[in-house]
Amino acid sequence: MTAIIQTYSSMLLGALGKTILLTTLSLVFAMVVGMIFALMNVGKNRFFNCIGTIYVDAVRGVPLIVLAYFIFFGVPQGIKSLGFQNFRLTALQAGTIALAMNCGAYMAEIIRAGIESVDKGQMEASRSLGLSYGKSMQKVVLPQAIRTMIPSIINQFIITLKDTSILSVIGFPELTNIGKTISGNTFKSLQTWAIVGLMYMVVIVTLSRVAKRIERRMSRGR
């Protein structure tokens, strides 16, 4: 195990950095996607409610690996058939889109639950003071909802971090993919995957502790 760490430490740390980068980019875009569809779901417009529900149900019903294959292989082929022969997606771009779409569906439910946890009287009071629905949501409801969302958002970050391992199938050099390479080069599967597992565990346990600490502080602050 020591020999693997000494020889491949820079490769492993680089892969961990790429894993965290992919997770962070995906979560940022997922927050935007989630916010859009959450607002559709909590609004009173039935058409938008329907769109939001369809998106959440459809994306959550498709395995991430299928979504990744579709975006990395299917979408470029479809666009090239329209005449854009030079179009291509890198593994990072396709991976970010796939994870953002997948995570966005779950983020939509987290944000919706956060918004619905705020007393409806808050919205009614702000509307009675002359604020529009949008301003009431932006200035009154969302700031309160975000406090309850933070632990769930961190937990979703952890889930997304683990889901990046699936994207090794499209060639993105994240931690699992590099683990396969090292295992193939050294023929030391036990030691290689123990190291990779420990690296994931350190990051995920740290994030879990942060989420629990934030949750405790929020509970005391109520």
Protein backbone atom coordinates (compact mmCIF):
# COMPACT_ATOMS: atom_id res chain seq x y z
CA MET A 1 0.00 0.00 0.00
CA THR A 2 2.84 2.39 0.87
CA ALA A 3 4.43 1.81 -2.54
CA ILE A 4 1.18 2.71 -4.30
CA ILE A 5 0.82 5.90 -2.26
CA GLN A 6 4.41 6.94 -2.97
CA THR A 7 4.17 6.22 -6.70
CA TYR A 8 0.66 7.41 -7.44
CA SER A 9 -0.01 10.04 -4.76
CA SER A 10 -0.03 12.97 -7.20
CA MET A 11 -2.35 11.08 -9.56
CA LEU A 12 -4.73 10.17 -6.72
CA LEU A 13 -4.79 13.70 -5.29
CA GLY A 14 -5.33 15.15 -8.76
CA ALA A 15 -8.23 12.76 -9.29
CA LEU A 16 -9.70 13.72 -5.92
CA GLY A 17 -9.44 17.39 -6.92
CA LYS A 18 -11.25 16.67 -10.20
CA THR A 19 -13.91 14.74 -8.29
CA ILE A 20 -14.54 17.67 -5.95
CA LEU A 21 -14.48 20.13 -8.90
CA LEU A 22 -17.07 18.08 -10.80
CA THR A 23 -19.22 17.77 -7.68
CA THR A 24 -19.06 21.50 -6.95
CA LEU A 25 -19.84 22.57 -10.53
CA SER A 26 -22.72 20.11 -10.70
CA LEU A 27 -24.17 21.28 -7.39
CA VAL A 28 -24.00 24.96 -8.42
CA PHE A 29 -25.93 24.27 -11.64
CA ALA A 30 -28.24 21.88 -9.77
CA MET A 31 -29.12 24.67 -7.34
CA VAL A 32 -30.23 26.83 -10.27
CA VAL A 33 -32.19 23.99 -11.86
CA GLY A 34 -33.67 23.00 -8.51
CA MET A 35 -34.72 26.55 -7.69
CA ILE A 36 -36.50 26.95 -11.04
CA PHE A 37 -38.48 23.72 -10.75
CA ALA A 38 -39.15 24.17 -7.03
CA LEU A 39 -40.71 27.58 -7.71
CA MET A 40 -42.79 25.97 -10.45
CA ASN A 41 -44.01 23.35 -7.99
CA VAL A 42 -44.93 25.75 -5.17
CA GLY A 43 -46.65 28.26 -7.44
CA LYS A 44 -50.36 28.32 -8.22
CA ASN A 45 -50.01 27.91 -12.00
CA ARG A 46 -51.10 24.36 -12.85
CA PHE A 47 -49.17 24.32 -16.12
CA PHE A 48 -45.88 25.11 -14.37
CA ASN A 49 -46.79 22.67 -11.57
CA CYS A 50 -47.17 19.97 -14.19
CA ILE A 51 -43.83 20.79 -15.87
CA GLY A 52 -42.03 20.79 -12.52
CA THR A 53 -43.55 17.47 -11.49
CA ILE A 54 -42.77 15.82 -14.83
CA TYR A 55 -39.13 16.95 -14.69
CA VAL A 56 -38.59 15.72 -11.13
CA ASP A 57 -40.30 12.37 -11.73
CA ALA A 58 -38.68 11.79 -15.13
CA VAL A 59 -35.11 12.57 -14.11
CA ARG A 60 -35.33 10.67 -10.83
CA GLY A 61 -36.72 7.71 -12.76
CA VAL A 62 -33.70 7.45 -15.08
CA PRO A 63 -30.49 5.82 -13.75
CA LEU A 64 -27.59 8.28 -13.68
CA ILE A 65 -25.43 5.99 -15.82
CA VAL A 66 -28.09 5.99 -18.57
CA LEU A 67 -28.34 9.78 -18.36
CA ALA A 68 -24.55 10.08 -18.63
CA TYR A 69 -24.42 7.82 -21.68
CA PHE A 70 -27.30 9.73 -23.29
CA ILE A 71 -25.63 13.12 -22.83
CA PHE A 72 -22.07 12.03 -23.68
CA PHE A 73 -22.85 9.80 -26.68
CA GLY A 74 -26.46 10.48 -27.70
CA VAL A 75 -26.71 14.27 -27.60
CA PRO A 76 -23.58 14.95 -29.73
CA GLN A 77 -24.73 12.38 -32.28
CA GLY A 78 -28.16 14.01 -32.46
CA ILE A 79 -26.69 17.49 -32.87
CA LYS A 80 -24.22 16.30 -35.53
CA SER A 81 -27.14 14.83 -37.48
CA LEU A 82 -28.52 18.38 -37.71
CA GLY A 83 -25.38 19.51 -39.53
CA PHE A 84 -23.15 20.64 -36.65
CA GLN A 85 -20.35 18.19 -37.39
CA ASN A 86 -17.80 19.79 -35.08
CA PHE A 87 -19.99 19.60 -31.99
CA ARG A 88 -18.64 17.52 -29.13
CA LEU A 89 -18.84 17.37 -25.35
CA THR A 90 -15.88 16.70 -23.10
CA ALA A 91 -16.24 14.19 -20.29
CA LEU A 92 -16.24 17.09 -17.80
CA GLN A 93 -19.00 18.94 -19.66
CA ALA A 94 -21.15 15.83 -20.12
CA GLY A 95 -20.55 14.74 -16.53
CA THR A 96 -21.47 18.15 -15.17
CA ILE A 97 -24.68 18.26 -17.21
CA ALA A 98 -25.68 14.72 -16.21
CA LEU A 99 -25.01 15.27 -12.52
CA ALA A 100 -26.63 18.73 -12.55
CA MET A 101 -29.79 17.34 -14.13
CA ASN A 102 -29.90 14.40 -11.73
CA CYS A 103 -29.03 16.42 -8.64
CA GLY A 104 -31.32 19.26 -9.77
CA ALA A 105 -34.36 16.99 -9.50
CA TYR A 106 -33.50 16.20 -5.88
CA MET A 107 -32.59 19.82 -5.15
CA ALA A 108 -36.01 20.86 -6.44
CA GLU A 109 -37.62 18.71 -3.75
CA ILE A 110 -35.24 20.00 -1.05
CA ILE A 111 -35.99 23.61 -1.97
CA ARG A 112 -39.73 22.96 -2.27
CA ALA A 113 -39.76 21.39 1.20
CA GLY A 114 -37.75 24.32 2.57
CA ILE A 115 -40.17 26.86 1.12
CA GLU A 116 -43.20 24.95 2.40
CA SER A 117 -41.64 24.79 5.89
CA VAL A 118 -42.01 28.58 6.18
CA ASP A 119 -45.30 29.64 7.74
CA LYS A 120 -47.74 30.70 5.01
CA GLY A 121 -48.57 33.73 7.12
CA GLN A 122 -45.15 35.16 6.21
CA MET A 123 -46.09 35.32 2.54
CA GLU A 124 -49.54 36.68 3.31
CA ALA A 125 -48.12 39.38 5.58
CA SER A 126 -45.56 40.52 3.02
CA ARG A 127 -48.19 40.59 0.27
CA SER A 128 -50.46 42.67 2.49
CA LEU A 129 -47.62 45.18 2.83
CA GLY A 130 -47.60 45.65 -0.94
CA LEU A 131 -44.74 43.36 -1.95
CA SER A 132 -45.20 41.34 -5.13
CA TYR A 133 -45.16 37.53 -5.05
CA GLY A 134 -41.62 37.48 -6.44
CA LYS A 135 -40.31 40.05 -3.96
CA SER A 136 -42.06 38.30 -1.08
CA MET A 137 -40.44 35.03 -2.07
CA GLN A 138 -37.02 36.65 -2.53
CA LYS A 139 -36.96 38.90 0.53
CA VAL A 140 -39.09 37.04 3.08
CA VAL A 141 -39.64 33.35 2.35
CA LEU A 142 -36.37 32.17 0.78
CA PRO A 143 -34.02 33.65 3.43
CA GLN A 144 -35.92 31.69 6.09
CA ALA A 145 -36.20 28.56 3.94
CA ILE A 146 -32.47 28.45 3.18
CA ARG A 147 -31.65 27.95 6.86
CA THR A 148 -33.62 24.72 6.92
CA MET A 149 -32.21 23.59 3.57
CA ILE A 150 -28.49 23.81 4.40
CA PRO A 151 -28.07 20.36 6.04
CA SER A 152 -30.01 18.71 3.21
CA ILE A 153 -27.93 20.56 0.61
CA ILE A 154 -24.72 19.32 2.23
CA ASN A 155 -26.13 15.78 2.29
CA GLN A 156 -26.97 16.12 -1.40
CA PHE A 157 -23.39 17.28 -2.03
CA ILE A 158 -22.20 14.06 -0.39
CA ILE A 159 -24.54 11.95 -2.53
CA THR A 160 -23.39 13.76 -5.68
CA LEU A 161 -19.75 13.27 -4.69
CA LYS A 162 -20.33 9.53 -4.49
CA ASP A 163 -22.28 9.57 -7.75
CA THR A 164 -19.25 10.96 -9.61
CA SER A 165 -17.80 7.44 -9.51
CA ILE A 166 -20.45 6.42 -12.05
CA LEU A 167 -18.98 8.89 -14.55
CA SER A 168 -15.87 6.77 -14.91
CA VAL A 169 -17.90 5.03 -17.65
CA ILE A 170 -17.54 8.09 -19.91
CA GLY A 171 -13.84 8.44 -19.23
CA PHE A 172 -13.78 11.34 -16.79
CA PRO A 173 -10.56 11.01 -14.73
CA GLU A 174 -12.20 11.14 -11.31
CA LEU A 175 -11.06 9.08 -8.34
CA THR A 176 -12.73 5.78 -9.27
CA ASN A 177 -11.48 5.95 -12.85
CA ILE A 178 -7.92 6.58 -11.68
CA GLY A 179 -8.33 3.73 -9.19
CA LYS A 180 -9.10 1.42 -12.12
CA THR A 181 -5.97 2.62 -13.92
CA ILE A 182 -3.72 2.11 -10.89
CA SER A 183 -5.25 -1.29 -10.16
CA GLY A 184 -4.62 -2.33 -13.77
CA ASN A 185 -1.03 -1.08 -13.70
CA THR A 186 -0.04 -2.62 -10.38
CA PHE A 187 -2.32 -5.70 -10.19
CA LYS A 188 -2.86 -4.75 -6.53
CA SER A 189 -6.63 -4.38 -6.41
CA LEU A 190 -6.99 -4.80 -2.64
CA GLN A 191 -4.53 -2.05 -1.75
CA THR A 192 -5.64 0.29 -4.54
CA TRP A 193 -9.34 0.18 -3.71
CA ALA A 194 -8.62 0.43 0.01
CA ILE A 195 -6.77 3.70 -0.64
CA VAL A 196 -9.51 5.01 -2.93
CA GLY A 197 -12.17 4.05 -0.38
CA LEU A 198 -10.29 5.79 2.42
CA MET A 199 -9.98 8.98 0.36
CA TYR A 200 -13.72 9.02 -0.30
CA MET A 201 -14.40 8.25 3.36
CA VAL A 202 -12.24 11.11 4.69
CA VAL A 203 -14.01 13.68 2.49
CA ILE A 204 -17.51 12.32 3.11
CA VAL A 205 -17.11 11.91 6.89
CA THR A 206 -15.77 15.48 7.09
CA LEU A 207 -18.76 16.83 5.17
CA SER A 208 -21.16 14.75 7.29
CA ARG A 209 -19.69 16.22 10.47
CA VAL A 210 -20.06 19.73 9.04
CA ALA A 211 -23.71 19.04 8.18
CA LYS A 212 -24.43 17.73 11.69
CA ARG A 213 -22.73 20.72 13.31
CA ILE A 214 -24.72 23.16 11.20
CA GLU A 215 -27.92 21.28 12.02
CA ARG A 216 -27.18 21.47 15.76
CA ARG A 217 -26.47 25.20 15.57
CA MET A 218 -29.70 25.78 13.69
CA SER A 219 -31.65 23.77 16.27
CA ARG A 220 -30.19 25.89 19.08
CA GLY A 221 -30.93 29.07 17.18
CA ARG A 222 -34.64 28.36 16.80
